[in-house]
Amino acid sequence: QDNAVMSAAMLKTAGVERVLLVTD
């Protein structure tokens, strides 16, 4: 949950809203 919320805040600042999500 923290990964998602904090990554979203960082990426949206850079204008990024669409990502490839890598995990198991």
mmCIF file of all heavy atoms, coordinates in Angstrom:
data_MODEL
# 
_entry.id   MODEL 
# 
loop_
_atom_site.group_PDB 
_atom_site.id 
_atom_site.type_symbol 
_atom_site.label_atom_id 
_atom_site.label_alt_id 
_atom_site.label_comp_id 
_atom_site.label_asym_id 
_atom_site.label_entity_id 
_atom_site.label_seq_id 
_atom_site.pdbx_PDB_ins_code 
_atom_site.Cartn_x 
_atom_site.Cartn_y 
_atom_site.Cartn_z 
_atom_site.occupancy 
_atom_site.B_iso_or_equiv 
_atom_site.pdbx_formal_charge 
_atom_site.auth_seq_id 
_atom_site.auth_comp_id 
_atom_site.auth_asym_id 
_atom_site.auth_atom_id 
_atom_site.pdbx_PDB_model_num 
ATOM 1   N N   . GLN A 1 1  ? 0.838  -1.196  0.000   1.00 0.00 ? 1  GLN A N   1 
ATOM 2   C CA  . GLN A 1 1  ? 0.000  0.000   0.000   1.00 0.00 ? 1  GLN A CA  1 
ATOM 3   C C   . GLN A 1 1  ? 0.871  1.243   0.000   1.00 0.00 ? 1  GLN A C   1 
ATOM 4   O O   . GLN A 1 1  ? 0.648  2.180   -0.781  1.00 0.00 ? 1  GLN A O   1 
ATOM 5   C CB  . GLN A 1 1  ? -0.931 0.011   1.216   1.00 0.00 ? 1  GLN A CB  1 
ATOM 6   C CG  . GLN A 1 1  ? -1.836 1.236   1.250   1.00 0.00 ? 1  GLN A CG  1 
ATOM 7   C CD  . GLN A 1 1  ? -2.569 1.386   2.570   1.00 0.00 ? 1  GLN A CD  1 
ATOM 8   O OE1 . GLN A 1 1  ? -2.350 0.606   3.492   1.00 0.00 ? 1  GLN A OE1 1 
ATOM 9   N NE2 . GLN A 1 1  ? -3.427 2.365   2.656   1.00 0.00 ? 1  GLN A NE2 1 
ATOM 10  N N   . ASP A 1 2  ? 1.883  1.258   0.855   1.00 0.00 ? 2  ASP A N   1 
ATOM 11  C CA  . ASP A 1 2  ? 2.818  2.387   0.876   1.00 0.00 ? 2  ASP A CA  1 
ATOM 12  C C   . ASP A 1 2  ? 3.549  2.515   -0.453  1.00 0.00 ? 2  ASP A C   1 
ATOM 13  O O   . ASP A 1 2  ? 3.748  3.620   -0.967  1.00 0.00 ? 2  ASP A O   1 
ATOM 14  C CB  . ASP A 1 2  ? 3.850  2.201   1.988   1.00 0.00 ? 2  ASP A CB  1 
ATOM 15  C CG  . ASP A 1 2  ? 3.282  2.396   3.382   1.00 0.00 ? 2  ASP A CG  1 
ATOM 16  O OD1 . ASP A 1 2  ? 2.132  2.861   3.492   1.00 0.00 ? 2  ASP A OD1 1 
ATOM 17  O OD2 . ASP A 1 2  ? 3.992  2.078   4.354   1.00 0.00 ? 2  ASP A OD2 1 
ATOM 18  N N   . ASN A 1 3  ? 3.993  1.379   -0.996  1.00 0.00 ? 3  ASN A N   1 
ATOM 19  C CA  . ASN A 1 3  ? 4.646  1.393   -2.311  1.00 0.00 ? 3  ASN A CA  1 
ATOM 20  C C   . ASN A 1 3  ? 3.807  2.162   -3.318  1.00 0.00 ? 3  ASN A C   1 
ATOM 21  O O   . ASN A 1 3  ? 4.309  3.020   -4.052  1.00 0.00 ? 3  ASN A O   1 
ATOM 22  C CB  . ASN A 1 3  ? 4.839  -0.028  -2.856  1.00 0.00 ? 3  ASN A CB  1 
ATOM 23  C CG  . ASN A 1 3  ? 5.850  -0.854  -2.111  1.00 0.00 ? 3  ASN A CG  1 
ATOM 24  O OD1 . ASN A 1 3  ? 5.762  -2.076  -2.129  1.00 0.00 ? 3  ASN A OD1 1 
ATOM 25  N ND2 . ASN A 1 3  ? 6.817  -0.252  -1.451  1.00 0.00 ? 3  ASN A ND2 1 
ATOM 26  N N   . ALA A 1 4  ? 2.513  1.821   -3.355  1.00 0.00 ? 4  ALA A N   1 
ATOM 27  C CA  . ALA A 1 4  ? 1.623  2.416   -4.344  1.00 0.00 ? 4  ALA A CA  1 
ATOM 28  C C   . ALA A 1 4  ? 1.412  3.906   -4.097  1.00 0.00 ? 4  ALA A C   1 
ATOM 29  O O   . ALA A 1 4  ? 1.562  4.729   -5.002  1.00 0.00 ? 4  ALA A O   1 
ATOM 30  C CB  . ALA A 1 4  ? 0.282  1.686   -4.335  1.00 0.00 ? 4  ALA A CB  1 
ATOM 31  N N   . VAL A 1 5  ? 1.076  4.267   -2.868  1.00 0.00 ? 5  VAL A N   1 
ATOM 32  C CA  . VAL A 1 5  ? 0.760  5.666   -2.548  1.00 0.00 ? 5  VAL A CA  1 
ATOM 33  C C   . VAL A 1 5  ? 1.974  6.565   -2.748  1.00 0.00 ? 5  VAL A C   1 
ATOM 34  O O   . VAL A 1 5  ? 1.893  7.637   -3.366  1.00 0.00 ? 5  VAL A O   1 
ATOM 35  C CB  . VAL A 1 5  ? 0.237  5.769   -1.101  1.00 0.00 ? 5  VAL A CB  1 
ATOM 36  C CG1 . VAL A 1 5  ? 0.106  7.221   -0.680  1.00 0.00 ? 5  VAL A CG1 1 
ATOM 37  C CG2 . VAL A 1 5  ? -1.111 5.062   -0.972  1.00 0.00 ? 5  VAL A CG2 1 
ATOM 38  N N   . MET A 1 6  ? 3.127  6.129   -2.250  1.00 0.00 ? 6  MET A N   1 
ATOM 39  C CA  . MET A 1 6  ? 4.323  6.963   -2.331  1.00 0.00 ? 6  MET A CA  1 
ATOM 40  C C   . MET A 1 6  ? 4.909  6.999   -3.731  1.00 0.00 ? 6  MET A C   1 
ATOM 41  O O   . MET A 1 6  ? 5.421  8.027   -4.176  1.00 0.00 ? 6  MET A O   1 
ATOM 42  C CB  . MET A 1 6  ? 5.345  6.482   -1.310  1.00 0.00 ? 6  MET A CB  1 
ATOM 43  C CG  . MET A 1 6  ? 4.884  6.637   0.117   1.00 0.00 ? 6  MET A CG  1 
ATOM 44  S SD  . MET A 1 6  ? 6.084  6.025   1.333   1.00 0.00 ? 6  MET A SD  1 
ATOM 45  C CE  . MET A 1 6  ? 5.171  6.270   2.855   1.00 0.00 ? 6  MET A CE  1 
ATOM 46  N N   . SER A 1 7  ? 4.817  5.890   -4.445  1.00 0.00 ? 7  SER A N   1 
ATOM 47  C CA  . SER A 1 7  ? 5.272  5.879   -5.839  1.00 0.00 ? 7  SER A CA  1 
ATOM 48  C C   . SER A 1 7  ? 4.385  6.770   -6.693  1.00 0.00 ? 7  SER A C   1 
ATOM 49  O O   . SER A 1 7  ? 4.872  7.502   -7.569  1.00 0.00 ? 7  SER A O   1 
ATOM 50  C CB  . SER A 1 7  ? 5.274  4.458   -6.391  1.00 0.00 ? 7  SER A CB  1 
ATOM 51  O OG  . SER A 1 7  ? 6.206  3.644   -5.721  1.00 0.00 ? 7  SER A OG  1 
ATOM 52  N N   . ALA A 1 8  ? 3.066  6.724   -6.453  1.00 0.00 ? 8  ALA A N   1 
ATOM 53  C CA  . ALA A 1 8  ? 2.139  7.547   -7.219  1.00 0.00 ? 8  ALA A CA  1 
ATOM 54  C C   . ALA A 1 8  ? 2.435  9.030   -7.019  1.00 0.00 ? 8  ALA A C   1 
ATOM 55  O O   . ALA A 1 8  ? 2.442  9.808   -7.985  1.00 0.00 ? 8  ALA A O   1 
ATOM 56  C CB  . ALA A 1 8  ? 0.702  7.233   -6.812  1.00 0.00 ? 8  ALA A CB  1 
ATOM 57  N N   . ALA A 1 9  ? 2.698  9.423   -5.778  1.00 0.00 ? 9  ALA A N   1 
ATOM 58  C CA  . ALA A 1 9  ? 3.004  10.825  -5.508  1.00 0.00 ? 9  ALA A CA  1 
ATOM 59  C C   . ALA A 1 9  ? 4.272  11.260  -6.238  1.00 0.00 ? 9  ALA A C   1 
ATOM 60  O O   . ALA A 1 9  ? 4.338  12.352  -6.822  1.00 0.00 ? 9  ALA A O   1 
ATOM 61  C CB  . ALA A 1 9  ? 3.159  11.038  -4.009  1.00 0.00 ? 9  ALA A CB  1 
ATOM 62  N N   . MET A 1 10 ? 5.277  10.414  -6.236  1.00 0.00 ? 10 MET A N   1 
ATOM 63  C CA  . MET A 1 10 ? 6.550  10.727  -6.897  1.00 0.00 ? 10 MET A CA  1 
ATOM 64  C C   . MET A 1 10 ? 6.381  10.795  -8.416  1.00 0.00 ? 10 MET A C   1 
ATOM 65  O O   . MET A 1 10 ? 6.892  11.717  -9.072  1.00 0.00 ? 10 MET A O   1 
ATOM 66  C CB  . MET A 1 10 ? 7.579  9.667   -6.512  1.00 0.00 ? 10 MET A CB  1 
ATOM 67  C CG  . MET A 1 10 ? 8.992  9.951   -6.952  1.00 0.00 ? 10 MET A CG  1 
ATOM 68  S SD  . MET A 1 10 ? 10.150 8.704   -6.297  1.00 0.00 ? 10 MET A SD  1 
ATOM 69  C CE  . MET A 1 10 ? 10.142 9.154   -4.547  1.00 0.00 ? 10 MET A CE  1 
ATOM 70  N N   . LEU A 1 11 ? 5.650  9.842   -8.971  1.00 0.00 ? 11 LEU A N   1 
ATOM 71  C CA  . LEU A 1 11 ? 5.503  9.781   -10.422 1.00 0.00 ? 11 LEU A CA  1 
ATOM 72  C C   . LEU A 1 11 ? 4.589  10.879  -10.951 1.00 0.00 ? 11 LEU A C   1 
ATOM 73  O O   . LEU A 1 11 ? 4.843  11.448  -12.026 1.00 0.00 ? 11 LEU A O   1 
ATOM 74  C CB  . LEU A 1 11 ? 4.963  8.409   -10.830 1.00 0.00 ? 11 LEU A CB  1 
ATOM 75  C CG  . LEU A 1 11 ? 5.940  7.247   -10.659 1.00 0.00 ? 11 LEU A CG  1 
ATOM 76  C CD1 . LEU A 1 11 ? 5.236  5.919   -10.896 1.00 0.00 ? 11 LEU A CD1 1 
ATOM 77  C CD2 . LEU A 1 11 ? 7.123  7.392   -11.600 1.00 0.00 ? 11 LEU A CD2 1 
ATOM 78  N N   . LYS A 1 12 ? 3.527  11.177  -10.227 1.00 0.00 ? 12 LYS A N   1 
ATOM 79  C CA  . LYS A 1 12 ? 2.608  12.223  -10.693 1.00 0.00 ? 12 LYS A CA  1 
ATOM 80  C C   . LYS A 1 12 ? 3.291  13.583  -10.730 1.00 0.00 ? 12 LYS A C   1 
ATOM 81  O O   . LYS A 1 12 ? 2.985  14.420  -11.585 1.00 0.00 ? 12 LYS A O   1 
ATOM 82  C CB  . LYS A 1 12 ? 1.364  12.251  -9.815  1.00 0.00 ? 12 LYS A CB  1 
ATOM 83  C CG  . LYS A 1 12 ? 0.430  11.057  -10.060 1.00 0.00 ? 12 LYS A CG  1 
ATOM 84  C CD  . LYS A 1 12 ? -0.776 11.078  -9.136  1.00 0.00 ? 12 LYS A CD  1 
ATOM 85  C CE  . LYS A 1 12 ? -1.677 9.879   -9.392  1.00 0.00 ? 12 LYS A CE  1 
ATOM 86  N NZ  . LYS A 1 12 ? -2.856 9.848   -8.482  1.00 0.00 ? 12 LYS A NZ  1 
ATOM 87  N N   . THR A 1 13 ? 4.230  13.804  -9.814  1.00 0.00 ? 13 THR A N   1 
ATOM 88  C CA  . THR A 1 13 ? 5.013  15.039  -9.845  1.00 0.00 ? 13 THR A CA  1 
ATOM 89  C C   . THR A 1 13 ? 5.805  15.142  -11.146 1.00 0.00 ? 13 THR A C   1 
ATOM 90  O O   . THR A 1 13 ? 6.038  16.239  -11.666 1.00 0.00 ? 13 THR A O   1 
ATOM 91  C CB  . THR A 1 13 ? 5.977  15.085  -8.644  1.00 0.00 ? 13 THR A CB  1 
ATOM 92  O OG1 . THR A 1 13 ? 5.207  15.057  -7.439  1.00 0.00 ? 13 THR A OG1 1 
ATOM 93  C CG2 . THR A 1 13 ? 6.818  16.354  -8.662  1.00 0.00 ? 13 THR A CG2 1 
ATOM 94  N N   . ALA A 1 14 ? 6.206  13.979  -11.667 1.00 0.00 ? 14 ALA A N   1 
ATOM 95  C CA  . ALA A 1 14 ? 6.961  13.947  -12.923 1.00 0.00 ? 14 ALA A CA  1 
ATOM 96  C C   . ALA A 1 14 ? 6.046  13.815  -14.138 1.00 0.00 ? 14 ALA A C   1 
ATOM 97  O O   . ALA A 1 14 ? 6.524  13.640  -15.265 1.00 0.00 ? 14 ALA A O   1 
ATOM 98  C CB  . ALA A 1 14 ? 7.949  12.787  -12.891 1.00 0.00 ? 14 ALA A CB  1 
ATOM 99  N N   . GLY A 1 15 ? 4.736  13.874  -13.928 1.00 0.00 ? 15 GLY A N   1 
ATOM 100 C CA  . GLY A 1 15 ? 3.784  13.791  -15.028 1.00 0.00 ? 15 GLY A CA  1 
ATOM 101 C C   . GLY A 1 15 ? 3.518  12.377  -15.517 1.00 0.00 ? 15 GLY A C   1 
ATOM 102 O O   . GLY A 1 15 ? 3.016  12.191  -16.628 1.00 0.00 ? 15 GLY A O   1 
ATOM 103 N N   . VAL A 1 16 ? 3.825  11.377  -14.691 1.00 0.00 ? 16 VAL A N   1 
ATOM 104 C CA  . VAL A 1 16 ? 3.641  9.979   -15.079 1.00 0.00 ? 16 VAL A CA  1 
ATOM 105 C C   . VAL A 1 16 ? 2.386  9.426   -14.415 1.00 0.00 ? 16 VAL A C   1 
ATOM 106 O O   . VAL A 1 16 ? 2.238  9.498   -13.192 1.00 0.00 ? 16 VAL A O   1 
ATOM 107 C CB  . VAL A 1 16 ? 4.864  9.126   -14.666 1.00 0.00 ? 16 VAL A CB  1 
ATOM 108 C CG1 . VAL A 1 16 ? 4.608  7.650   -14.954 1.00 0.00 ? 16 VAL A CG1 1 
ATOM 109 C CG2 . VAL A 1 16 ? 6.111  9.599   -15.399 1.00 0.00 ? 16 VAL A CG2 1 
ATOM 110 N N   . GLU A 1 17 ? 1.486  8.860   -15.216 1.00 0.00 ? 17 GLU A N   1 
ATOM 111 C CA  . GLU A 1 17 ? 0.251  8.276   -14.689 1.00 0.00 ? 17 GLU A CA  1 
ATOM 112 C C   . GLU A 1 17 ? 0.029  6.844   -15.149 1.00 0.00 ? 17 GLU A C   1 
ATOM 113 O O   . GLU A 1 17 ? -0.826 6.151   -14.610 1.00 0.00 ? 17 GLU A O   1 
ATOM 114 C CB  . GLU A 1 17 ? -0.948 9.131   -15.103 1.00 0.00 ? 17 GLU A CB  1 
ATOM 115 C CG  . GLU A 1 17 ? -0.945 10.537  -14.507 1.00 0.00 ? 17 GLU A CG  1 
ATOM 116 C CD  . GLU A 1 17 ? -2.187 11.314  -14.867 1.00 0.00 ? 17 GLU A CD  1 
ATOM 117 O OE1 . GLU A 1 17 ? -2.916 10.857  -15.786 1.00 0.00 ? 17 GLU A OE1 1 
ATOM 118 O OE2 . GLU A 1 17 ? -2.432 12.363  -14.253 1.00 0.00 ? 17 GLU A OE2 1 
ATOM 119 N N   . ARG A 1 18 ? 0.793  6.387   -16.136 1.00 0.00 ? 18 ARG A N   1 
ATOM 120 C CA  . ARG A 1 18 ? 0.608  5.041   -16.687 1.00 0.00 ? 18 ARG A CA  1 
ATOM 121 C C   . ARG A 1 18 ? 1.927  4.274   -16.558 1.00 0.00 ? 18 ARG A C   1 
ATOM 122 O O   . ARG A 1 18 ? 2.968  4.720   -17.061 1.00 0.00 ? 18 ARG A O   1 
ATOM 123 C CB  . ARG A 1 18 ? 0.177  5.111   -18.157 1.00 0.00 ? 18 ARG A CB  1 
ATOM 124 C CG  . ARG A 1 18 ? -1.120 5.883   -18.362 1.00 0.00 ? 18 ARG A CG  1 
ATOM 125 C CD  . ARG A 1 18 ? -1.545 5.888   -19.831 1.00 0.00 ? 18 ARG A CD  1 
ATOM 126 N NE  . ARG A 1 18 ? -0.507 6.443   -20.709 1.00 0.00 ? 18 ARG A NE  1 
ATOM 127 C CZ  . ARG A 1 18 ? -0.315 7.735   -20.913 1.00 0.00 ? 18 ARG A CZ  1 
ATOM 128 N NH1 . ARG A 1 18 ? -1.064 8.640   -20.270 1.00 0.00 ? 18 ARG A NH1 1 
ATOM 129 N NH2 . ARG A 1 18 ? 0.638  8.148   -21.728 1.00 0.00 ? 18 ARG A NH2 1 
ATOM 130 N N   . VAL A 1 19 ? 1.871  3.129   -15.889 1.00 0.00 ? 19 VAL A N   1 
ATOM 131 C CA  . VAL A 1 19 ? 3.103  2.395   -15.583 1.00 0.00 ? 19 VAL A CA  1 
ATOM 132 C C   . VAL A 1 19 ? 2.963  0.911   -15.888 1.00 0.00 ? 19 VAL A C   1 
ATOM 133 O O   . VAL A 1 19 ? 1.856  0.368   -15.926 1.00 0.00 ? 19 VAL A O   1 
ATOM 134 C CB  . VAL A 1 19 ? 3.504  2.567   -14.097 1.00 0.00 ? 19 VAL A CB  1 
ATOM 135 C CG1 . VAL A 1 19 ? 3.696  4.030   -13.749 1.00 0.00 ? 19 VAL A CG1 1 
ATOM 136 C CG2 . VAL A 1 19 ? 2.477  1.921   -13.161 1.00 0.00 ? 19 VAL A CG2 1 
ATOM 137 N N   . LEU A 1 20 ? 4.097  0.272   -16.097 1.00 0.00 ? 20 LEU A N   1 
ATOM 138 C CA  . LEU A 1 20 ? 4.195  -1.178  -16.065 1.00 0.00 ? 20 LEU A CA  1 
ATOM 139 C C   . LEU A 1 20 ? 4.573  -1.567  -14.648 1.00 0.00 ? 20 LEU A C   1 
ATOM 140 O O   . LEU A 1 20 ? 5.542  -1.029  -14.098 1.00 0.00 ? 20 LEU A O   1 
ATOM 141 C CB  . LEU A 1 20 ? 5.256  -1.686  -17.039 1.00 0.00 ? 20 LEU A CB  1 
ATOM 142 C CG  . LEU A 1 20 ? 5.082  -1.364  -18.517 1.00 0.00 ? 20 LEU A CG  1 
ATOM 143 C CD1 . LEU A 1 20 ? 6.224  -1.978  -19.327 1.00 0.00 ? 20 LEU A CD1 1 
ATOM 144 C CD2 . LEU A 1 20 ? 3.741  -1.863  -19.038 1.00 0.00 ? 20 LEU A CD2 1 
ATOM 145 N N   . LEU A 1 21 ? 3.837  -2.471  -14.064 1.00 0.00 ? 21 LEU A N   1 
ATOM 146 C CA  . LEU A 1 21 ? 4.058  -2.856  -12.671 1.00 0.00 ? 21 LEU A CA  1 
ATOM 147 C C   . LEU A 1 21 ? 4.692  -4.238  -12.618 1.00 0.00 ? 21 LEU A C   1 
ATOM 148 O O   . LEU A 1 21 ? 4.105  -5.221  -13.073 1.00 0.00 ? 21 LEU A O   1 
ATOM 149 C CB  . LEU A 1 21 ? 2.736  -2.852  -11.911 1.00 0.00 ? 21 LEU A CB  1 
ATOM 150 C CG  . LEU A 1 21 ? 2.799  -3.165  -10.419 1.00 0.00 ? 21 LEU A CG  1 
ATOM 151 C CD1 . LEU A 1 21 ? 3.686  -2.169  -9.685  1.00 0.00 ? 21 LEU A CD1 1 
ATOM 152 C CD2 . LEU A 1 21 ? 1.395  -3.166  -9.816  1.00 0.00 ? 21 LEU A CD2 1 
ATOM 153 N N   . VAL A 1 22 ? 5.907  -4.305  -12.053 1.00 0.00 ? 22 VAL A N   1 
ATOM 154 C CA  . VAL A 1 22 ? 6.660  -5.555  -11.989 1.00 0.00 ? 22 VAL A CA  1 
ATOM 155 C C   . VAL A 1 22 ? 6.655  -6.100  -10.564 1.00 0.00 ? 22 VAL A C   1 
ATOM 156 O O   . VAL A 1 22 ? 7.105  -5.433  -9.629  1.00 0.00 ? 22 VAL A O   1 
ATOM 157 C CB  . VAL A 1 22 ? 8.118  -5.347  -12.450 1.00 0.00 ? 22 VAL A CB  1 
ATOM 158 C CG1 . VAL A 1 22 ? 8.919  -6.640  -12.291 1.00 0.00 ? 22 VAL A CG1 1 
ATOM 159 C CG2 . VAL A 1 22 ? 8.160  -4.869  -13.897 1.00 0.00 ? 22 VAL A CG2 1 
ATOM 160 N N   . THR A 1 23 ? 6.125  -7.304  -10.418 1.00 0.00 ? 23 THR A N   1 
ATOM 161 C CA  . THR A 1 23 ? 6.186  -8.032  -9.158  1.00 0.00 ? 23 THR A CA  1 
ATOM 162 C C   . THR A 1 23 ? 5.921  -9.507  -9.453  1.00 0.00 ? 23 THR A C   1 
ATOM 163 O O   . THR A 1 23 ? 5.662  -9.884  -10.591 1.00 0.00 ? 23 THR A O   1 
ATOM 164 C CB  . THR A 1 23 ? 5.196  -7.479  -8.114  1.00 0.00 ? 23 THR A CB  1 
ATOM 165 O OG1 . THR A 1 23 ? 5.446  -8.099  -6.844  1.00 0.00 ? 23 THR A OG1 1 
ATOM 166 C CG2 . THR A 1 23 ? 3.748  -7.735  -8.515  1.00 0.00 ? 23 THR A CG2 1 
ATOM 167 N N   . ASP A 1 24 ? 5.979  -10.349 -8.422  1.00 0.00 ? 24 ASP A N   1 
ATOM 168 C CA  . ASP A 1 24 ? 5.700  -11.771 -8.606  1.00 0.00 ? 24 ASP A CA  1 
ATOM 169 C C   . ASP A 1 24 ? 4.257  -11.975 -9.050  1.00 0.00 ? 24 ASP A C   1 
ATOM 170 O O   . ASP A 1 24 ? 3.357  -11.236 -8.646  1.00 0.00 ? 24 ASP A O   1 
ATOM 171 C CB  . ASP A 1 24 ? 5.894  -12.543 -7.296  1.00 0.00 ? 24 ASP A CB  1 
ATOM 172 C CG  . ASP A 1 24 ? 7.269  -12.347 -6.697  1.00 0.00 ? 24 ASP A CG  1 
ATOM 173 O OD1 . ASP A 1 24 ? 8.164  -11.851 -7.405  1.00 0.00 ? 24 ASP A OD1 1 
ATOM 174 O OD2 . ASP A 1 24 ? 7.437  -12.690 -5.522  1.00 0.00 ? 24 ASP A OD2 1 
# 
